[in-house]
Amino acid sequence: MRKIAISDIHGCCFTFQSILDRLGLTKQDELFLLGDFVDRGAHTKQVFDHIFDLQEQGFNLHCLRGNHEQMLLDALFYTHIEVKRFETNGGRATLDSFKANGVMDIPRVYIDFINELPFYNFADPYIFVHGGLDFRYQEDPFKREQAMLWMRNWYENTDYTWLADRYIIHGHTPVPRLAIEKQWDTFETLRIANIDNGCVYDQEGMGNMCALDLTNRKIFFEPRHRLDRRLL
């Protein structure tokens, strides 16, 4: 049984399917998806449908909430500010994938799924989170939900006494492939891995979906599929 992590799918359903095929995912594996299923790419609805299909087939998936899922939920309050923030951060692509005029038109089954997504998960010795952990305060970092969704540039505040022999796997901050590979080379020392290679972006060194096989300590990069249109 392998532990595999993928983050920041962002509507790139064909790329997601391709990397799972490449991994040869089995029902004995545990697949940890670290949030940001929605927005920017063209196939958000299809991403959710594929996840639902895998779950119905008996695959072992653990899905987390990302900041883009949170923006979608916040837009349900239908204040002008929250709706505009969602739509200007890739939400229009999500609505188009559902053929929806607004978030209220998204079928309830998808909203319920998103609303039930947790902010973090464990699989000893790994901690999975979308954005990061805020160690700047004495309280339990798992109580700081906004930080787990939104935080960037937090490594220098890592409390290694609290972390002990565990590792943190996260996404949220897109970085070039070379940066991910260099960080992976120091994984045993840093004890943190960012696996967001900006699948939906065209910048140099990005445009791939990254998967981390934690059991076999292997890293995979899958180029964005030609059918995953870049909408942003």
Protein backbone atom coordinates (compact mmCIF):
# COMPACT_ATOMS: atom_id res chain seq x y z
CA MET A 1 0.00 0.00 0.00
CA ARG A 2 1.42 3.35 -1.10
CA LYS A 3 0.76 6.82 0.28
CA ILE A 4 0.52 9.26 -2.64
CA ALA A 5 -0.08 13.02 -2.49
CA ILE A 6 -1.28 15.41 -5.22
CA SER A 7 -2.25 19.06 -4.82
CA ASP A 8 -3.70 21.97 -6.80
CA ILE A 9 -5.50 20.15 -9.61
CA HIS A 10 -7.31 23.40 -10.53
CA GLY A 11 -9.75 21.95 -13.04
CA CYS A 12 -7.11 19.97 -14.95
CA CYS A 13 -9.08 16.74 -15.03
CA PHE A 14 -7.34 15.11 -18.00
CA THR A 15 -3.94 15.74 -16.44
CA PHE A 16 -5.23 14.30 -13.15
CA GLN A 17 -6.44 11.17 -14.90
CA SER A 18 -3.14 10.86 -16.79
CA ILE A 19 -0.97 11.02 -13.68
CA LEU A 20 -3.16 8.48 -11.88
CA ASP A 21 -2.81 6.14 -14.87
CA ARG A 22 0.94 6.67 -14.83
CA LEU A 23 1.07 5.89 -11.11
CA GLY A 24 -1.04 2.77 -11.59
CA LEU A 25 -3.24 3.71 -8.63
CA THR A 26 -4.76 0.67 -6.90
CA LYS A 27 -7.45 0.26 -4.28
CA GLN A 28 -4.76 -0.66 -1.77
CA ASP A 29 -3.12 2.76 -2.12
CA GLU A 30 -4.02 5.87 -0.14
CA LEU A 31 -4.37 8.99 -2.28
CA PHE A 32 -4.18 12.33 -0.48
CA LEU A 33 -5.54 15.28 -2.49
CA LEU A 34 -4.51 18.56 -0.88
CA GLY A 35 -7.16 20.95 -2.12
CA ASP A 36 -7.73 23.49 -4.90
CA PHE A 37 -9.71 21.16 -7.12
CA VAL A 38 -11.59 24.15 -8.53
CA ASP A 39 -10.96 27.31 -10.59
CA ARG A 40 -8.55 28.42 -13.31
CA GLY A 41 -8.67 25.25 -15.46
CA ALA A 42 -11.58 24.27 -17.69
CA HIS A 43 -12.83 21.06 -16.05
CA THR A 44 -13.64 21.56 -12.38
CA LYS A 45 -16.92 19.65 -12.56
CA GLN A 46 -15.17 16.75 -14.27
CA VAL A 47 -12.49 16.70 -11.54
CA PHE A 48 -15.17 16.25 -8.89
CA ASP A 49 -17.00 13.66 -10.99
CA HIS A 50 -13.79 11.66 -11.36
CA ILE A 51 -13.17 11.82 -7.61
CA PHE A 52 -16.74 10.65 -6.94
CA ASP A 53 -16.28 7.82 -9.43
CA LEU A 54 -13.03 6.68 -7.78
CA GLN A 55 -14.70 6.71 -4.38
CA GLU A 56 -17.65 4.70 -5.67
CA GLN A 57 -15.22 2.13 -7.10
CA GLY A 58 -13.63 1.72 -3.69
CA PHE A 59 -10.41 3.69 -4.11
CA ASN A 60 -9.02 5.14 -0.88
CA LEU A 61 -9.09 8.93 -1.25
CA HIS A 62 -8.52 11.60 1.40
CA CYS A 63 -9.48 15.06 0.17
CA LEU A 64 -8.62 18.40 1.80
CA ARG A 65 -10.02 21.90 1.49
CA GLY A 66 -8.00 24.54 -0.34
CA ASN A 67 -8.33 28.31 -0.35
CA HIS A 68 -10.16 28.18 -3.69
CA GLU A 69 -12.81 25.83 -2.27
CA GLN A 70 -13.16 28.27 0.61
CA MET A 71 -13.64 31.20 -1.77
CA LEU A 72 -16.41 29.26 -3.51
CA LEU A 73 -18.15 28.60 -0.19
CA ASP A 74 -17.71 32.23 0.85
CA ALA A 75 -19.33 33.33 -2.42
CA LEU A 76 -22.47 31.42 -1.42
CA PHE A 77 -23.18 34.21 1.06
CA TYR A 78 -23.68 36.21 -2.12
CA THR A 79 -22.04 39.43 -0.96
CA HIS A 80 -20.65 41.42 -3.85
CA ILE A 81 -17.10 41.35 -2.46
CA GLU A 82 -16.97 37.56 -1.96
CA VAL A 83 -18.54 36.81 -5.35
CA LYS A 84 -16.13 39.14 -7.12
CA ARG A 85 -13.13 37.64 -5.30
CA PHE A 86 -14.21 34.12 -6.33
CA GLU A 87 -14.83 35.02 -9.95
CA THR A 88 -11.63 37.05 -10.40
CA ASN A 89 -9.51 34.23 -8.95
CA GLY A 90 -10.53 31.65 -11.51
CA GLY A 91 -14.09 31.06 -10.38
CA ARG A 92 -15.57 31.97 -13.73
CA ALA A 93 -13.91 28.86 -15.19
CA THR A 94 -15.51 26.77 -12.44
CA LEU A 95 -18.96 28.19 -13.18
CA ASP A 96 -18.49 27.54 -16.89
CA SER A 97 -17.63 23.89 -16.21
CA PHE A 98 -21.02 23.55 -14.46
CA LYS A 99 -22.77 25.69 -17.10
CA ALA A 100 -23.80 27.86 -14.15
CA ASN A 101 -24.50 31.57 -13.99
CA GLY A 102 -23.49 31.76 -10.33
CA VAL A 103 -22.46 29.61 -7.39
CA MET A 104 -26.09 29.12 -6.40
CA ASP A 105 -26.54 27.14 -9.63
CA ILE A 106 -23.89 24.54 -8.72
CA PRO A 107 -25.69 21.29 -7.76
CA ARG A 108 -25.95 20.68 -4.04
CA VAL A 109 -23.98 17.42 -4.10
CA TYR A 110 -20.82 19.33 -5.08
CA ILE A 111 -21.38 22.07 -2.50
CA ASP A 112 -21.97 19.49 0.25
CA PHE A 113 -18.77 17.67 -0.71
CA ILE A 114 -16.75 20.90 -0.56
CA ASN A 115 -18.34 22.00 2.71
CA GLU A 116 -17.35 18.72 4.37
CA LEU A 117 -13.69 18.89 3.33
CA PRO A 118 -11.31 19.00 6.33
CA PHE A 119 -8.44 21.46 6.69
CA TYR A 120 -5.74 18.87 7.39
CA ASN A 121 -5.11 15.16 7.56
CA PHE A 122 -2.65 12.68 9.08
CA ALA A 123 -1.04 9.48 7.89
CA ASP A 124 1.81 8.82 10.26
CA PRO A 125 4.46 10.22 9.96
CA TYR A 126 2.95 12.71 7.49
CA ILE A 127 0.83 15.80 8.02
CA PHE A 128 -1.12 16.93 4.95
CA VAL A 129 -2.33 20.51 4.60
CA HIS A 130 -3.11 22.81 1.69
CA GLY A 131 -1.17 25.97 2.50
CA GLY A 132 0.91 25.67 5.64
CA LEU A 133 1.01 25.70 9.42
CA ASP A 134 1.35 28.84 11.51
CA PHE A 135 3.89 28.23 14.29
CA ARG A 136 4.16 31.88 15.40
CA TYR A 137 1.79 31.41 18.31
CA GLN A 138 1.76 29.04 21.27
CA GLU A 139 -1.62 27.59 20.45
CA ASP A 140 -2.16 24.44 18.42
CA PRO A 141 -1.40 25.32 14.75
CA PHE A 142 -4.31 23.11 13.67
CA LYS A 143 -6.67 25.67 15.20
CA ARG A 144 -5.55 28.32 12.72
CA GLU A 145 -7.73 27.32 9.77
CA GLN A 146 -7.11 30.41 7.63
CA ALA A 147 -3.37 29.80 7.83
CA MET A 148 -3.82 26.22 6.67
CA LEU A 149 -5.65 27.54 3.60
CA TRP A 150 -3.73 30.69 2.76
CA MET A 151 -0.31 30.80 4.40
CA ARG A 152 2.87 31.21 2.37
CA ASN A 153 6.53 31.78 3.27
CA TRP A 154 6.20 30.08 6.66
CA TYR A 155 9.17 27.69 6.72
CA GLU A 156 11.45 29.86 8.86
CA ASN A 157 8.90 29.74 11.71
CA THR A 158 8.63 25.94 11.74
CA ASP A 159 8.66 24.56 15.28
CA TYR A 160 10.71 21.40 14.87
CA THR A 161 10.20 20.49 18.52
CA TRP A 162 6.45 20.38 17.87
CA LEU A 163 6.95 18.65 14.52
CA ALA A 164 9.20 15.97 16.11
CA ASP A 165 9.67 13.05 13.68
CA ARG A 166 6.81 14.04 11.37
CA TYR A 167 6.81 15.61 7.89
CA ILE A 168 4.55 18.26 6.33
CA ILE A 169 3.27 17.88 2.76
CA HIS A 170 1.52 20.91 1.22
CA GLY A 171 0.68 22.76 -1.99
CA HIS A 172 -0.88 26.22 -2.56
CA THR A 173 2.31 28.07 -3.57
CA PRO A 174 3.23 27.25 -7.19
CA VAL A 175 6.98 26.86 -7.66
CA PRO A 176 9.14 25.65 -10.57
CA ARG A 177 9.95 21.99 -10.98
CA LEU A 178 13.62 22.55 -10.16
CA ALA A 179 12.69 24.11 -6.80
CA ILE A 180 10.51 21.13 -5.94
CA GLU A 181 13.27 18.70 -6.89
CA LYS A 182 15.86 20.61 -4.84
CA GLN A 183 13.54 20.69 -1.86
CA TRP A 184 12.88 16.97 -2.24
CA ASP A 185 16.65 16.36 -2.06
CA THR A 186 16.64 17.96 1.43
CA PHE A 187 13.37 16.37 2.56
CA GLU A 188 14.90 14.44 5.45
CA THR A 189 16.41 17.64 6.84
CA LEU A 190 13.70 20.20 6.06
CA ARG A 191 10.86 17.71 6.71
CA ILE A 192 8.59 19.77 4.43
CA ALA A 193 7.61 19.23 0.78
CA ASN A 194 5.71 21.61 -1.50
CA ILE A 195 4.12 19.72 -4.40
CA ASP A 196 2.46 22.57 -6.34
CA ASN A 197 4.17 22.84 -9.72
CA GLY A 198 1.53 25.22 -11.08
CA CYS A 199 -0.16 22.79 -13.45
CA VAL A 200 -2.41 25.50 -14.84
CA TYR A 201 0.38 28.04 -15.45
CA ASP A 202 2.61 28.57 -18.47
CA GLN A 203 5.59 30.10 -16.66
CA GLU A 204 9.01 28.54 -17.11
CA GLY A 205 9.43 25.42 -15.00
CA MET A 206 5.70 25.10 -14.32
CA GLY A 207 2.76 23.55 -16.15
CA ASN A 208 3.02 20.11 -14.55
CA MET A 209 0.96 18.20 -12.01
CA CYS A 210 3.19 16.80 -9.29
CA ALA A 211 2.58 13.54 -7.43
CA LEU A 212 4.59 12.36 -4.45
CA ASP A 213 4.88 8.64 -3.75
CA LEU A 214 5.83 8.85 -0.09
CA THR A 215 6.08 5.11 0.37
CA ASN A 216 8.72 4.63 -2.32
CA ARG A 217 10.10 8.18 -2.02
CA LYS A 218 9.54 8.97 -5.68
CA ILE A 219 8.33 12.17 -7.31
CA PHE A 220 6.42 12.40 -10.60
CA PHE A 221 5.65 15.31 -12.93
CA GLU A 222 2.88 15.09 -15.52
CA PRO A 223 2.68 17.87 -18.17
CA ARG A 224 -0.68 19.60 -18.46
CA HIS A 225 -2.83 17.65 -20.89
CA ARG A 226 -3.66 19.36 -24.19
CA LEU A 227 -7.39 19.06 -23.37
CA ASP A 228 -7.04 20.95 -20.10
CA ARG A 229 -7.55 24.43 -21.43
CA ARG A 230 -5.89 27.22 -19.50
CA LEU A 231 -8.63 29.70 -18.59
CA LEU A 232 -7.51 31.34 -15.31
